[in-house]
């Protein structure tokens, strides 16, 4: 019987051989997917265009784990699913057989195919295939330790939730769900679940093609030690320790696939000439835009791809004395989680305009504001927050001063905030002494016959379509003026309903769109002249506002 020392040497030799074998396979992979091998979190999301190698990577990941982790006391049971059962035999199952033969020619896997059942085994580990339209079979599968969902956008949120629930086997190795898909629809459940709510515990990688404006993107080359970091919290009295990074998102396209053939590469290129929409989705891997979009799809998508980054992000701090903001005390604070984005610093002598939209009756939406240069008409800043309305108004005040006299601009920025659901932000600006606000005229008084001038933008059956029409024209004719990703993404879900009324689809927001549309509508009340010598505090006389019948009313 070999000595303990001899056994340890033999085990080290086996581990070394397996490591060398693993490194050899890693070299055969596309660099964009290298981090998949070391990731220990629960979710791996492979999104992007066709021909990028996403499916190959998912299949290789599962095959490697079948081979490399066979020594565990607990068996692996991988579940590979698609929305339709017949797609299993057409794509997933043959893919595994080809990859196994290519990458592990020395291993004889157990394979079963026929009678509506596909199965692959190696030692104690197995891969089971199922279609989500075969509910009976899915219910009979238990102790799943890993899941791969191909074309994950084709299944429902309830299907995904059920698969996530089933991933509860007792294996001592990472239990992971791999999702691979083309971003055909921006309405997919995957976007709100994995993209809209991302945080620092999500690792995001992207290849050559730009994809979304997300501040936590990391370099493709990630040290494996990074994934050893853990996170501990107490859940219902029990201390739980898990990998710090719970989600790995990788965006890839055919440009990141060094194994793609020349014919396939040229086919992707030709898509641009034959169908721009298909090219954006299947070649560049951009979110598909909703049919019937109110805004020019092509122009909006080009701006999304441009992926313009803000110069800085943060908020304003100030001294608040006797319930007033001290203008000289206003200072900018950098904060990567801040609710104010600056795209262009204020220019001396230039005039600026801001349109604002409030969260509305439910309070679930956002308080927003877009500031533009009234000469170039370009976006220069954005505020988007869910603060109380008075706090939102105070940040708008600071922005108005920032793009105003504080930086020697042509008067304080003109601010026009929507008042349909609440007049509080407008009144708060007035209370703070911010007088350069948009002025609207209401119908003549029935007694005096005089028109009434009031602060704030009124969204009604006349102003709303006009403002949106102005914004639509701007997007079509001058798309380069639009920089903010939140605004552009809202445009992709802003459509004409069955009655022809432009609105956000169910579940989507329109706060950014409306704020920017209001900006277009009110800009005529601000000069378009550059005047560096201007020094009068305010574009209007404050006393005019306080007269009986003035804008306080």
Protein backbone atom coordinates (compact mmCIF):
# COMPACT_ATOMS: atom_id res chain seq x y z
CA UNK A 1 0.00 0.00 0.00
CA UNK A 2 1.51 3.40 -1.03
CA UNK A 3 2.60 5.68 1.80
CA UNK A 4 0.69 8.84 2.65
CA UNK A 5 3.53 10.91 1.16
CA UNK A 6 3.40 8.89 -2.06
CA UNK A 7 -0.37 9.34 -2.36
CA UNK A 8 -0.03 13.08 -1.88
CA UNK A 9 2.60 13.21 -4.64
CA UNK A 10 0.31 11.25 -6.97
CA UNK A 11 -2.59 13.59 -6.24
CA UNK A 12 -0.38 16.62 -6.92
CA UNK A 13 0.72 15.07 -10.21
CA UNK A 14 -2.93 14.55 -11.24
CA UNK A 15 -3.86 18.10 -10.24
CA UNK A 16 -0.89 19.46 -12.20
CA UNK A 17 -1.90 17.47 -15.29
CA UNK A 18 -5.48 18.70 -15.04
CA UNK A 19 -4.28 22.28 -14.59
CA UNK A 20 -2.03 22.03 -17.67
CA UNK A 21 -4.91 20.56 -19.62
CA UNK A 22 -7.21 23.33 -18.47
CA UNK A 23 -4.72 26.04 -19.42
CA UNK A 24 -4.40 24.47 -22.86
CA UNK A 25 -8.14 24.72 -23.36
CA UNK A 26 -8.20 28.28 -22.08
CA UNK A 27 -5.77 29.27 -24.81
CA UNK A 28 -8.22 27.93 -27.36
CA UNK A 29 -10.96 30.20 -26.06
CA UNK A 30 -11.80 33.74 -27.02
CA UNK A 31 -10.22 36.16 -24.58
CA UNK A 32 -13.53 37.88 -23.90
CA UNK A 33 -14.75 34.72 -22.09
CA UNK A 34 -11.60 33.98 -20.05
CA UNK A 35 -13.19 35.10 -16.78
CA UNK A 36 -15.99 32.55 -17.09
CA UNK A 37 -13.55 29.85 -15.98
CA UNK A 38 -12.76 31.49 -12.63
CA UNK A 39 -16.15 32.99 -11.81
CA UNK A 40 -17.82 31.37 -8.78
CA UNK A 41 -21.00 33.48 -8.49
CA UNK A 42 -24.48 32.26 -9.34
CA UNK A 43 -25.35 33.98 -12.64
CA UNK A 44 -23.40 34.14 -15.90
CA UNK A 45 -25.13 36.29 -18.52
CA UNK A 46 -23.73 36.01 -22.05
CA UNK A 47 -25.34 38.68 -24.21
CA UNK A 48 -24.44 39.92 -27.66
CA UNK A 49 -24.56 39.36 -31.38
CA UNK A 50 -24.59 36.20 -33.44
CA UNK A 51 -21.30 34.51 -34.22
CA UNK A 52 -19.62 35.74 -31.03
CA UNK A 53 -19.10 32.27 -29.56
CA UNK A 54 -21.55 32.60 -26.64
CA UNK A 55 -23.08 29.13 -27.08
CA UNK A 56 -19.71 27.47 -27.52
CA UNK A 57 -18.49 29.07 -24.31
CA UNK A 58 -21.55 27.93 -22.36
CA UNK A 59 -21.20 24.37 -23.66
CA UNK A 60 -17.46 24.32 -22.95
CA UNK A 61 -17.98 25.65 -19.43
CA UNK A 62 -20.37 22.81 -18.58
CA UNK A 63 -18.21 20.16 -20.28
CA UNK A 64 -15.08 21.32 -18.42
CA UNK A 65 -16.91 21.14 -15.12
CA UNK A 66 -18.16 17.65 -15.96
CA UNK A 67 -14.57 16.51 -16.51
CA UNK A 68 -12.63 18.59 -14.01
CA UNK A 69 -15.00 18.19 -11.05
CA UNK A 70 -15.77 14.46 -11.34
CA UNK A 71 -13.71 13.70 -8.23
CA UNK A 72 -16.25 15.33 -5.92
CA UNK A 73 -18.27 13.14 -3.57
CA UNK A 74 -21.44 14.80 -4.82
CA UNK A 75 -22.42 14.37 -8.48
CA UNK A 76 -23.09 17.18 -10.91
CA UNK A 77 -26.45 17.33 -12.63
CA UNK A 78 -26.54 19.98 -15.34
CA UNK A 79 -29.88 20.98 -16.84
CA UNK A 80 -29.77 22.49 -20.34
CA UNK A 81 -33.00 24.02 -21.54
CA UNK A 82 -34.61 25.95 -24.38
CA UNK A 83 -38.11 27.33 -24.74
CA UNK A 84 -39.06 24.62 -27.28
CA UNK A 85 -38.21 20.93 -26.95
CA UNK A 86 -37.47 20.40 -30.66
CA UNK A 87 -34.70 23.03 -30.57
CA UNK A 88 -32.70 20.79 -28.22
CA UNK A 89 -32.01 18.17 -30.89
CA UNK A 90 -31.33 20.86 -33.50
CA UNK A 91 -28.80 22.92 -31.55
CA UNK A 92 -27.78 22.24 -27.94
CA UNK A 93 -27.28 18.48 -28.02
CA UNK A 94 -25.24 18.39 -31.27
CA UNK A 95 -23.15 21.30 -30.01
CA UNK A 96 -22.10 19.33 -26.93
CA UNK A 97 -21.19 16.26 -28.99
CA UNK A 98 -19.03 18.28 -31.41
CA UNK A 99 -17.25 20.18 -28.65
CA UNK A 100 -16.61 17.08 -26.56
CA UNK A 101 -15.14 15.23 -29.50
CA UNK A 102 -12.93 18.19 -30.37
CA UNK A 103 -11.72 19.07 -26.90
CA UNK A 104 -11.72 15.72 -25.08
CA UNK A 105 -11.00 13.08 -27.77
CA UNK A 106 -9.43 10.77 -25.14
CA UNK A 107 -12.64 10.57 -23.07
CA UNK A 108 -15.56 8.31 -23.89
CA UNK A 109 -18.72 10.04 -22.70
CA UNK A 110 -21.93 8.11 -22.23
CA UNK A 111 -24.49 9.38 -24.73
CA UNK A 112 -28.16 8.59 -25.10
CA UNK A 113 -30.43 10.02 -27.79
CA UNK A 114 -33.85 8.92 -28.90
CA UNK A 115 -37.46 8.64 -27.80
CA UNK A 116 -37.54 12.35 -27.05
CA UNK A 117 -34.71 12.10 -24.55
CA UNK A 118 -31.10 13.31 -24.76
CA UNK A 119 -28.59 12.61 -22.03
CA UNK A 120 -24.79 12.79 -21.63
CA UNK A 121 -22.87 11.25 -18.73
CA UNK A 122 -19.32 11.10 -17.43
CA UNK A 123 -18.55 9.11 -14.29
CA UNK A 124 -21.08 10.38 -11.69
CA UNK A 125 -21.89 13.59 -13.56
CA UNK A 126 -24.63 14.08 -16.16
CA UNK A 127 -26.20 16.59 -18.53
CA UNK A 128 -29.97 16.50 -18.89
CA UNK A 129 -31.80 18.33 -21.68
CA UNK A 130 -35.37 19.64 -21.51
CA UNK A 131 -37.71 22.01 -23.31
CA UNK A 132 -39.81 24.36 -21.22
CA UNK A 133 -42.82 23.28 -23.27
CA UNK A 134 -42.38 19.80 -21.75
CA UNK A 135 -43.58 20.65 -18.25
CA UNK A 136 -43.96 17.03 -17.18
CA UNK A 137 -40.32 16.21 -17.78
CA UNK A 138 -39.11 19.37 -16.08
CA UNK A 139 -41.06 18.51 -12.93
CA UNK A 140 -39.33 15.12 -12.75
CA UNK A 141 -35.83 16.63 -12.67
CA UNK A 142 -34.39 17.23 -9.19
CA UNK A 143 -31.07 18.06 -7.46
CA UNK A 144 -29.91 20.31 -10.28
CA UNK A 145 -26.42 21.77 -9.70
CA UNK A 146 -26.10 23.87 -12.86
CA UNK A 147 -28.38 25.33 -15.56
CA UNK A 148 -27.81 26.65 -19.07
CA UNK A 149 -30.66 28.46 -20.82
CA UNK A 150 -29.99 28.94 -24.54
CA UNK A 151 -31.92 31.80 -26.22
CA UNK A 152 -32.84 32.90 -22.71
CA UNK A 153 -34.87 35.84 -24.00
CA UNK A 154 -37.44 33.37 -25.37
CA UNK A 155 -38.49 32.08 -21.95
CA UNK A 156 -40.65 33.95 -19.44
CA UNK A 157 -39.73 35.47 -16.10
CA UNK A 158 -41.77 32.78 -14.33
CA UNK A 159 -39.79 30.09 -16.20
CA UNK A 160 -36.52 31.67 -15.12
CA UNK A 161 -37.72 31.95 -11.52
CA UNK A 162 -38.64 28.26 -11.50
CA UNK A 163 -35.23 27.25 -12.90
CA UNK A 164 -33.51 29.41 -10.30
CA UNK A 165 -35.54 27.72 -7.58
CA UNK A 166 -34.59 24.25 -8.82
CA UNK A 167 -30.87 25.03 -8.62
CA UNK A 168 -30.49 23.73 -5.09
CA UNK A 169 -28.37 20.55 -5.30
CA UNK A 170 -25.92 19.71 -2.51
CA UNK A 171 -22.74 19.98 -4.61
CA UNK A 172 -19.73 21.63 -2.92
CA UNK A 173 -18.85 23.52 -6.12
CA UNK A 174 -20.44 26.68 -7.59
CA UNK A 175 -24.09 26.31 -8.55
CA UNK A 176 -24.56 28.51 -11.58
CA UNK A 177 -27.15 29.56 -14.13
CA UNK A 178 -25.82 30.50 -17.57
CA UNK A 179 -28.04 32.64 -19.80
CA UNK A 180 -27.04 33.12 -23.45
CA UNK A 181 -29.05 35.20 -25.90
CA UNK A 182 -29.22 37.92 -28.54
CA UNK A 183 -30.81 41.13 -27.17
CA UNK A 184 -33.72 40.96 -29.60
CA UNK A 185 -36.11 42.97 -27.43
CA UNK A 186 -35.43 45.69 -24.91
CA UNK A 187 -38.66 44.54 -23.22
CA UNK A 188 -37.17 41.18 -22.21
CA UNK A 189 -37.41 40.32 -18.50
CA UNK A 190 -33.61 39.92 -18.56
CA UNK A 191 -33.03 43.66 -18.82
CA UNK A 192 -34.76 44.70 -15.57
CA UNK A 193 -33.54 41.60 -13.72
CA UNK A 194 -29.85 41.74 -14.66
CA UNK A 195 -29.12 45.09 -16.29
CA UNK A 196 -31.25 47.87 -14.81
CA UNK A 197 -30.49 47.00 -11.19
CA UNK A 198 -26.77 46.28 -11.46
CA UNK A 199 -24.46 47.16 -8.60
CA UNK A 200 -20.84 46.76 -7.54
CA UNK A 201 -21.34 43.02 -7.03
CA UNK A 202 -21.92 42.57 -10.74
CA UNK A 203 -18.88 42.07 -12.96
CA UNK A 204 -19.49 43.54 -16.42
CA UNK A 205 -17.21 43.00 -19.42
CA UNK A 206 -17.55 44.10 -23.02
CA UNK A 207 -15.52 43.55 -26.16
CA UNK A 208 -14.87 45.81 -29.13
CA UNK A 209 -18.44 47.05 -29.51
CA UNK A 210 -19.78 49.58 -27.02
CA UNK A 211 -22.78 48.47 -25.00
CA UNK A 212 -24.73 50.66 -22.56
CA UNK A 213 -23.44 53.30 -20.23
CA UNK A 214 -22.53 51.38 -17.08
CA UNK A 215 -19.97 52.76 -14.64
CA UNK A 216 -18.77 49.40 -13.30
CA UNK A 217 -17.45 47.91 -16.56
CA UNK A 218 -14.10 46.21 -16.02
CA UNK A 219 -11.16 45.25 -18.20
CA UNK A 220 -11.43 41.93 -20.03
CA UNK A 221 -8.31 40.74 -18.19
CA UNK A 222 -9.37 39.99 -14.63
CA UNK A 223 -7.15 38.29 -12.07
CA UNK A 224 -8.69 35.04 -10.83
CA UNK A 225 -7.96 36.12 -7.22
CA UNK A 226 -10.65 38.78 -7.60
CA UNK A 227 -13.33 36.08 -7.58
CA UNK A 228 -12.14 34.69 -4.25
CA UNK A 229 -13.61 37.70 -2.45
CA UNK A 230 -16.61 36.79 -0.27
CA UNK A 231 -19.64 38.56 1.15
CA UNK A 232 -21.19 37.74 4.54
CA UNK A 233 -24.56 38.83 5.87
CA UNK A 234 -27.07 37.63 8.45
CA UNK A 235 -30.33 36.32 6.97
CA UNK A 236 -33.10 35.50 9.46
CA UNK A 237 -30.57 34.99 12.22
CA UNK A 238 -28.23 32.82 10.15
CA UNK A 239 -24.84 34.02 8.92
CA UNK A 240 -24.52 33.41 5.17
CA UNK A 241 -21.21 33.62 3.30
CA UNK A 242 -21.23 33.67 -0.49
CA UNK A 243 -19.05 34.92 -3.36
CA UNK A 244 -18.94 38.72 -3.38
CA UNK A 245 -19.61 38.85 -7.12
CA UNK A 246 -22.97 37.23 -7.74
CA UNK A 247 -23.32 38.03 -11.47
CA UNK A 248 -20.96 38.04 -14.45
CA UNK A 249 -22.22 39.83 -17.58
CA UNK A 250 -20.25 39.56 -20.82
CA UNK A 251 -21.23 41.44 -23.96
CA UNK A 252 -19.61 40.08 -27.12
CA UNK A 253 -19.97 40.29 -30.90
CA UNK A 254 -18.53 38.59 -33.96
CA UNK A 255 -15.63 41.08 -33.72
CA UNK A 256 -14.52 39.37 -30.48
CA UNK A 257 -14.53 35.86 -31.98
CA UNK A 258 -11.08 35.02 -33.33
CA UNK A 259 -12.34 31.68 -34.62
CA UNK A 260 -15.08 33.10 -36.86
CA UNK A 261 -14.76 32.17 -40.53
CA UNK A 262 -14.34 34.71 -43.30
CA UNK A 263 -17.76 33.90 -44.79
CA UNK A 264 -19.53 34.38 -41.47
CA UNK A 265 -17.62 37.63 -40.85
CA UNK A 266 -18.61 39.02 -44.25
CA UNK A 267 -22.23 37.95 -43.66
CA UNK A 268 -22.32 40.05 -40.49
CA UNK A 269 -20.87 43.00 -42.39
CA UNK A 270 -23.42 42.69 -45.21
CA UNK A 271 -26.28 42.91 -42.70
CA UNK A 272 -25.49 46.61 -42.33
CA UNK A 273 -26.32 47.16 -45.97
CA UNK A 274 -29.44 44.98 -46.11
CA UNK A 275 -31.12 45.60 -42.73
CA UNK A 276 -29.83 48.18 -40.28
CA UNK A 277 -32.09 46.94 -37.48
CA UNK A 278 -30.93 43.34 -37.85
CA UNK A 279 -27.33 44.53 -37.98
CA UNK A 280 -27.68 46.43 -34.70
CA UNK A 281 -29.12 43.39 -32.91
CA UNK A 282 -27.40 40.37 -34.46
CA UNK A 283 -24.05 41.93 -35.41
CA UNK A 284 -23.47 44.65 -32.82
CA UNK A 285 -25.51 42.98 -30.06
CA UNK A 286 -27.53 46.10 -29.19
CA UNK A 287 -30.94 45.92 -27.53
CA UNK A 288 -33.71 45.54 -30.09
CA UNK A 289 -35.99 48.53 -30.36
CA UNK A 290 -39.74 48.26 -30.10
CA UNK A 291 -41.72 48.28 -33.32
CA UNK A 292 -43.68 51.48 -33.92
CA UNK A 293 -41.20 53.60 -32.00
CA UNK A 294 -42.15 57.30 -31.88
CA UNK A 295 -38.53 58.35 -32.38
CA UNK A 296 -36.20 57.48 -35.26
CA UNK A 297 -34.92 54.01 -34.36
CA UNK A 298 -31.75 54.24 -36.38
CA UNK A 299 -30.72 57.63 -35.03
CA UNK A 300 -31.49 56.66 -31.43
CA UNK A 301 -29.55 53.41 -31.71
CA UNK A 302 -26.55 55.20 -33.20
CA UNK A 303 -26.46 57.50 -30.18
CA UNK A 304 -26.74 54.53 -27.81
CA UNK A 305 -23.82 52.86 -29.56
CA UNK A 306 -21.83 56.11 -29.35
CA UNK A 307 -21.99 55.60 -25.57
CA UNK A 308 -21.04 59.16 -24.58
CA UNK A 309 -19.71 59.33 -21.03
CA UNK A 310 -20.34 62.30 -18.72
CA UNK A 311 -17.41 64.47 -17.70
CA UNK A 312 -18.38 63.94 -14.09
CA UNK A 313 -21.15 62.68 -11.84
CA UNK A 314 -22.17 63.83 -8.39
CA UNK A 315 -24.35 66.51 -6.76
CA UNK A 316 -24.25 70.00 -5.25
CA UNK A 317 -23.71 70.95 -1.63
CA UNK A 318 -24.46 74.40 -0.21
CA UNK A 319 -25.03 76.37 2.97
CA UNK A 320 -28.70 76.66 3.85
CA UNK A 321 -29.24 79.68 6.12
CA UNK A 322 -32.61 81.18 7.07
CA UNK A 323 -34.23 78.73 4.65
CA UNK A 324 -32.25 80.15 1.72
CA UNK A 325 -29.40 78.77 -0.37
CA UNK A 326 -26.25 80.89 -0.13
CA UNK A 327 -25.15 81.12 -3.76
CA UNK A 328 -21.46 81.65 -2.98
CA UNK A 329 -21.44 78.42 -0.96
CA UNK A 330 -22.62 76.16 -3.81
CA UNK A 331 -19.93 73.55 -4.53
CA UNK A 332 -19.79 70.45 -6.71
CA UNK A 333 -19.20 67.04 -5.05
CA UNK A 334 -17.95 64.10 -7.12
CA UNK A 335 -19.89 60.91 -6.42
CA UNK A 336 -20.04 57.87 -8.69
CA UNK A 337 -23.57 57.22 -7.41
CA UNK A 338 -24.62 60.87 -7.72
CA UNK A 339 -27.87 61.98 -9.32
CA UNK A 340 -26.44 64.83 -11.42
CA UNK A 341 -24.52 64.16 -14.64
CA UNK A 342 -22.36 66.87 -16.26
CA UNK A 343 -21.62 66.40 -19.98
CA UNK A 344 -20.28 69.87 -20.74
CA UNK A 345 -19.02 72.57 -18.41
CA UNK A 346 -20.70 75.99 -18.56
CA UNK A 347 -19.24 78.44 -21.07
CA UNK A 348 -18.87 82.11 -20.27
CA UNK A 349 -21.54 84.25 -21.93
CA UNK A 350 -23.62 81.30 -23.18
CA UNK A 351 -27.33 80.97 -22.32
CA UNK A 352 -28.75 77.70 -20.92
CA UNK A 353 -32.21 76.17 -20.66
CA UNK A 354 -33.65 73.33 -18.58
CA UNK A 355 -36.88 71.39 -18.88
CA UNK A 356 -38.02 69.38 -15.84
CA UNK A 357 -40.53 66.60 -15.25
CA UNK A 358 -41.74 65.46 -11.83
CA UNK A 359 -42.40 61.93 -10.61
CA UNK A 360 -46.18 62.26 -10.85
CA UNK A 361 -48.94 60.92 -8.66
CA UNK A 362 -47.48 57.50 -7.85
CA UNK A 363 -44.01 58.69 -6.86
CA UNK A 364 -42.56 55.58 -8.53
CA UNK A 365 -41.12 57.57 -11.42
CA UNK A 366 -38.25 60.04 -11.39
CA UNK A 367 -37.80 63.76 -10.93
CA UNK A 368 -35.76 64.75 -13.96
CA UNK A 369 -34.23 67.79 -15.59
CA UNK A 370 -32.22 68.32 -18.79
CA UNK A 371 -30.02 71.35 -19.29
CA UNK A 372 -28.99 72.39 -22.80
CA UNK A 373 -26.80 75.06 -24.34
CA UNK A 374 -29.33 77.38 -26.00
CA UNK A 375 -26.87 78.27 -28.77
CA UNK A 376 -25.68 74.79 -29.78
CA UNK A 377 -28.83 73.05 -28.42
CA UNK A 378 -26.58 70.25 -27.10
CA UNK A 379 -27.24 68.42 -23.83
CA UNK A 380 -24.93 69.66 -21.09
CA UNK A 381 -26.33 68.20 -17.86
CA UNK A 382 -28.98 65.94 -16.38
CA UNK A 383 -30.55 65.41 -12.98
CA UNK A 384 -32.49 62.22 -12.27
CA UNK A 385 -33.51 61.41 -8.72
CA UNK A 386 -36.34 60.14 -6.53
CA UNK A 387 -35.81 62.71 -3.78
CA UNK A 388 -38.57 64.76 -2.20
CA UNK A 389 -39.68 67.52 -4.57
CA UNK A 390 -38.17 70.33 -2.49
CA UNK A 391 -34.75 68.62 -2.50
CA UNK A 392 -35.04 68.08 -6.25
CA UNK A 393 -35.89 71.77 -6.68
CA UNK A 394 -32.81 72.78 -4.69
CA UNK A 395 -30.53 70.77 -6.96
CA UNK A 396 -32.27 72.36 -9.96
CA UNK A 397 -31.60 75.74 -8.32
CA UNK A 398 -27.90 74.89 -8.02
CA UNK A 399 -27.73 73.70 -11.62
CA UNK A 400 -29.47 76.86 -12.77
CA UNK A 401 -26.84 78.93 -10.97
CA UNK A 402 -24.02 76.65 -12.17
CA UNK A 403 -25.11 77.26 -15.77
CA UNK A 404 -25.76 80.87 -14.87
CA UNK A 405 -24.11 83.72 -13.03
CA UNK A 406 -21.92 81.47 -10.90
CA UNK A 407 -19.87 80.73 -14.04
CA UNK A 408 -20.51 84.02 -15.86
CA UNK A 409 -23.04 82.60 -18.30
CA UNK A 410 -25.67 84.72 -20.04
CA UNK A 411 -28.06 84.99 -17.10
CA UNK A 412 -29.16 82.13 -14.87
CA UNK A 413 -30.48 79.13 -16.80
CA UNK A 414 -34.15 79.29 -17.76
CA UNK A 415 -35.95 76.51 -15.86
CA UNK A 416 -39.36 75.17 -16.84
CA UNK A 417 -40.77 72.40 -14.62
CA UNK A 418 -43.96 70.53 -15.42
CA UNK A 419 -46.82 71.42 -13.04
CA UNK A 420 -49.62 69.00 -13.98
CA UNK A 421 -49.20 66.77 -10.93
CA UNK A 422 -47.45 69.16 -8.55
CA UNK A 423 -46.56 72.84 -8.37
CA UNK A 424 -44.33 72.33 -5.35
CA UNK A 425 -40.94 72.39 -7.20
CA UNK A 426 -41.91 75.62 -8.98
CA UNK A 427 -43.04 77.23 -5.73
CA UNK A 428 -39.88 76.05 -3.99
CA UNK A 429 -37.75 77.72 -6.66
CA UNK A 430 -39.75 80.91 -6.18
CA UNK A 431 -39.35 80.73 -2.40
CA UNK A 432 -35.60 80.36 -2.88
CA UNK A 433 -35.61 83.43 -5.12
CA UNK A 434 -35.05 81.72 -8.47
CA UNK A 435 -37.00 83.96 -10.85
CA UNK A 436 -35.77 82.88 -14.27
CA UNK A 437 -38.50 80.31 -14.80
CA UNK A 438 -40.63 79.55 -17.84
CA UNK A 439 -43.78 81.70 -18.01
CA UNK A 440 -46.98 80.45 -19.60
CA UNK A 441 -50.14 82.37 -20.35
CA UNK A 442 -53.56 81.04 -19.43
CA UNK A 443 -56.90 81.91 -20.99
CA UNK A 444 -58.24 85.47 -20.37
CA UNK A 445 -60.06 86.01 -17.11
CA UNK A 446 -63.87 86.00 -17.68
CA UNK A 447 -64.28 89.20 -15.66
CA UNK A 448 -61.27 91.33 -16.50
CA UNK A 449 -60.52 89.83 -19.90
CA UNK A 450 -56.82 89.80 -19.05
CA UNK A 451 -54.52 86.84 -19.64
CA UNK A 452 -52.82 85.38 -16.63
CA UNK A 453 -49.10 84.70 -16.58
CA UNK A 454 -47.97 81.71 -14.48
CA UNK A 455 -44.68 79.97 -13.77
CA UNK A 456 -44.19 76.35 -14.91
CA UNK A 457 -45.02 74.14 -17.87
CA UNK A 458 -48.60 72.85 -18.14
CA UNK A 459 -48.85 69.46 -19.86
CA UNK A 460 -52.13 69.41 -21.76
CA UNK A 461 -53.67 68.24 -25.04
CA UNK A 462 -52.05 71.16 -26.84
CA UNK A 463 -48.59 71.50 -25.31
CA UNK A 464 -47.76 67.79 -24.94
CA UNK A 465 -47.95 66.76 -28.62
CA UNK A 466 -46.22 69.98 -29.66
CA UNK A 467 -43.32 69.44 -27.25
CA UNK A 468 -42.95 65.80 -28.25
CA UNK A 469 -43.12 66.72 -31.92
CA UNK A 470 -40.33 69.25 -31.45
CA UNK A 471 -38.19 66.64 -29.69
CA UNK A 472 -38.91 64.08 -32.40
CA UNK A 473 -37.73 66.51 -35.08
CA UNK A 474 -34.56 67.25 -33.12
CA UNK A 475 -33.75 63.54 -32.78
CA UNK A 476 -34.25 62.97 -36.49
CA UNK A 477 -32.35 66.02 -37.73
CA UNK A 478 -29.73 66.59 -35.00
CA UNK A 479 -29.17 63.29 -33.16
CA UNK A 480 -25.63 64.31 -32.15
CA UNK A 481 -27.14 66.75 -29.64
CA UNK A 482 -28.41 63.91 -27.45
CA UNK A 483 -25.84 62.40 -25.09
CA UNK A 484 -27.59 60.83 -22.12
CA UNK A 485 -28.12 57.07 -22.16
CA UNK A 486 -31.19 57.11 -19.87
CA UNK A 487 -32.94 59.49 -22.25
CA UNK A 488 -32.00 57.43 -25.30
CA UNK A 489 -33.14 54.17 -23.72
CA UNK A 490 -36.48 55.73 -22.81
CA UNK A 491 -36.86 56.74 -26.46
CA UNK A 492 -36.64 53.06 -27.46
CA UNK A 493 -39.76 52.25 -25.42
CA UNK A 494 -41.72 55.37 -26.34
CA UNK A 495 -44.29 54.36 -28.96
CA UNK A 496 -47.61 55.31 -30.52
CA UNK A 497 -50.46 53.40 -28.90
CA UNK A 498 -53.45 51.95 -30.75
CA UNK A 499 -55.05 55.40 -30.81
CA UNK A 500 -51.93 57.10 -32.16
CA UNK A 501 -51.03 58.79 -28.85
CA UNK A 502 -47.27 58.77 -28.17
CA UNK A 503 -46.51 57.27 -24.76
CA UNK A 504 -44.17 54.93 -22.90
CA UNK A 505 -45.05 51.26 -23.13
CA UNK A 506 -46.46 49.57 -20.03
CA UNK A 507 -43.83 49.28 -17.33
CA UNK A 508 -41.43 51.78 -18.95
CA UNK A 509 -40.65 55.36 -17.88
CA UNK A 510 -41.05 58.61 -19.82
CA UNK A 511 -39.66 61.14 -17.31
CA UNK A 512 -36.47 61.78 -19.29
CA UNK A 513 -38.33 62.05 -22.59
CA UNK A 514 -40.83 64.54 -21.21
CA UNK A 515 -38.18 66.67 -19.48
CA UNK A 516 -36.21 66.90 -22.73
CA UNK A 517 -39.37 67.64 -24.72
CA UNK A 518 -40.27 70.46 -22.31
CA UNK A 519 -36.76 71.80 -22.82
CA UNK A 520 -37.41 72.03 -26.57
CA UNK A 521 -40.77 73.72 -26.03
CA UNK A 522 -39.62 76.47 -23.63
CA UNK A 523 -36.23 77.33 -25.17
CA UNK A 524 -37.69 80.29 -27.11
CA UNK A 525 -38.03 82.21 -23.82
CA UNK A 526 -34.28 82.27 -23.39
CA UNK A 527 -31.95 84.31 -25.58
CA UNK A 528 -29.77 82.49 -28.10
CA UNK A 529 -27.13 85.24 -27.93
CA UNK A 530 -23.63 84.90 -26.50
CA UNK A 531 -22.94 87.83 -24.19
CA UNK A 532 -19.93 87.53 -21.93
CA UNK A 533 -20.43 91.09 -20.63
CA UNK A 534 -23.90 90.43 -19.18
CA UNK A 535 -23.93 91.16 -15.44
CA UNK A 536 -27.52 91.94 -14.34
CA UNK A 537 -28.69 89.44 -11.71
CA UNK A 538 -31.66 87.69 -13.33
CA UNK A 539 -33.36 88.01 -16.69
CA UNK A 540 -36.47 89.59 -15.18
CA UNK A 541 -37.23 92.06 -12.42
CA UNK A 542 -38.19 90.21 -9.26
CA UNK A 543 -40.68 92.92 -8.31
CA UNK A 544 -42.72 92.21 -11.44
CA UNK A 545 -43.40 88.71 -10.15
CA UNK A 546 -44.66 89.93 -6.80
CA UNK A 547 -47.25 92.39 -8.11
CA UNK A 548 -50.94 91.47 -7.66
CA UNK A 549 -51.83 89.05 -10.44
CA UNK A 550 -48.16 88.19 -10.88
CA UNK A 551 -46.69 84.72 -11.26
CA UNK A 552 -47.12 83.87 -7.57
CA UNK A 553 -50.77 83.37 -8.41
